[in-house]
Protein backbone atom coordinates (compact mmCIF):
# COMPACT_ATOMS: atom_id res chain seq x y z
CA MET A 1 165.56 -55.06 -163.25
CA SER A 2 167.98 -52.87 -161.38
CA GLN A 3 171.61 -52.59 -162.36
CA THR A 4 174.29 -52.65 -159.73
CA ARG A 5 176.58 -49.68 -159.63
CA ARG A 6 180.12 -50.58 -160.61
CA ALA A 7 183.13 -49.11 -158.84
CA PHE A 8 186.46 -48.49 -160.55
CA ASP A 9 189.77 -47.81 -158.88
CA GLY A 10 191.98 -44.86 -159.72
CA SER A 11 194.46 -46.85 -161.79
CA PHE A 12 191.68 -48.16 -164.06
CA LYS A 13 190.32 -44.64 -164.53
CA LEU A 14 193.79 -43.34 -165.41
CA GLN A 15 194.24 -46.20 -167.87
CA VAL A 16 190.99 -45.27 -169.64
CA VAL A 17 191.99 -41.60 -169.74
CA ARG A 18 195.40 -42.51 -171.18
CA MET A 19 193.74 -44.59 -173.89
CA ILE A 20 191.79 -41.52 -174.97
CA LYS A 21 194.56 -38.95 -174.63
CA GLU A 22 197.65 -40.90 -175.71
CA GLN A 23 196.26 -43.41 -178.18
CA GLY A 24 193.86 -40.97 -179.79
CA LEU A 25 190.79 -43.13 -179.29
CA THR A 26 187.41 -41.43 -179.02
CA VAL A 27 185.37 -41.45 -175.83
CA SER A 28 182.55 -43.28 -177.62
CA GLN A 29 184.89 -45.93 -178.94
CA VAL A 30 186.50 -46.61 -175.54
CA CYS A 31 183.08 -46.70 -173.85
CA ARG A 32 181.76 -49.22 -176.34
CA ASP A 33 184.85 -51.42 -176.15
CA MET A 34 185.00 -51.43 -172.35
CA ASN A 35 181.26 -51.30 -171.65
CA LEU A 36 181.47 -47.98 -169.78
CA GLY A 37 179.12 -45.02 -169.56
CA GLU A 38 180.17 -41.93 -171.47
CA THR A 39 179.22 -39.60 -168.64
CA ALA A 40 181.58 -41.33 -166.22
CA VAL A 41 184.47 -41.36 -168.69
CA ARG A 42 184.00 -37.69 -169.53
CA ARG A 43 183.97 -36.93 -165.79
CA TRP A 44 187.25 -38.84 -165.41
CA LEU A 45 188.76 -36.83 -168.26
CA ALA A 46 187.66 -33.56 -166.65
CA GLN A 47 189.04 -34.66 -163.31
CA VAL A 48 192.46 -35.54 -164.71
CA ASP A 49 192.58 -32.25 -166.63
CA ALA A 50 191.72 -30.33 -163.45
CA GLU A 51 194.32 -32.22 -161.44
CA LEU A 52 197.00 -31.53 -164.04
CA LEU A 53 196.19 -27.81 -163.72
CA GLY A 54 196.70 -28.06 -159.96
CA GLN A 55 193.01 -27.88 -159.07
CA SER A 56 191.46 -30.35 -156.66
CA GLY A 57 189.17 -31.97 -159.21
CA ILE A 58 185.97 -33.84 -158.44
CA GLY A 59 185.74 -36.82 -156.13
CA LYS A 60 188.69 -38.97 -155.14
CA PRO A 61 191.99 -37.81 -156.62
CA LEU A 62 193.26 -39.92 -159.49
CA THR A 63 196.88 -38.86 -159.80
CA ALA A 64 199.43 -39.75 -157.14
CA GLU A 65 200.36 -36.08 -156.83
CA GLN A 66 196.78 -35.04 -156.06
CA GLN A 67 196.41 -37.89 -153.58
CA ARG A 68 199.51 -36.64 -151.75
CA ILE A 69 198.25 -33.04 -151.84
CA ARG A 70 194.86 -34.04 -150.38
CA HIS A 71 196.59 -36.04 -147.65
CA LEU A 72 198.86 -33.11 -146.76
CA GLU A 73 195.96 -30.66 -146.78
CA GLY A 74 194.06 -32.86 -144.34
CA GLU A 75 197.12 -33.19 -142.13
CA ASN A 76 197.66 -29.42 -142.25
CA ARG A 77 194.02 -28.80 -141.30
CA GLN A 78 194.32 -31.18 -138.33
CA LEU A 79 197.55 -29.54 -137.13
CA ARG A 80 195.95 -26.09 -137.31
CA GLN A 81 193.02 -27.30 -135.21
CA ASP A 82 195.40 -28.86 -132.68
CA ASN A 83 197.39 -25.64 -132.52
CA ASP A 84 194.24 -23.56 -131.94
CA LEU A 85 193.18 -25.91 -129.15
CA LEU A 86 196.58 -25.67 -127.49
CA LYS A 87 196.49 -21.86 -127.67
CA LYS A 88 193.07 -21.81 -125.99
CA ALA A 89 194.20 -24.27 -123.30
CA SER A 90 197.33 -22.23 -122.67
CA ALA A 91 195.31 -19.03 -122.28
CA PHE A 92 192.87 -20.81 -119.94
CA PHE A 93 195.61 -22.16 -117.67
CA ALA A 94 197.46 -18.83 -117.70
CA ARG A 95 194.31 -17.17 -116.31
CA GLU A 96 193.94 -19.90 -113.67
CA LEU A 97 197.49 -19.31 -112.40
CA ARG A 98 196.86 -15.62 -111.67
């Protein structure tokens, strides 16, 4: 009897974290009520805490701010690679013209 792995979207994870942080419910209580594993919920709590401190967190970003930061970091990385390629091509063609 194998269990299938469930997937939860970011908004659901944030909702669970808010229940614990804002409503004062315990992790055990929320896990029992929503049929969730404690390890996953504690990981979500740690991730939100890390994201609120400006760290990248674990896995997919949960907060909109962290999602935007990850997107911009990826875009920045791509632009740097493009710039390096253009510099190398420019140097190559400058040598060819001599």
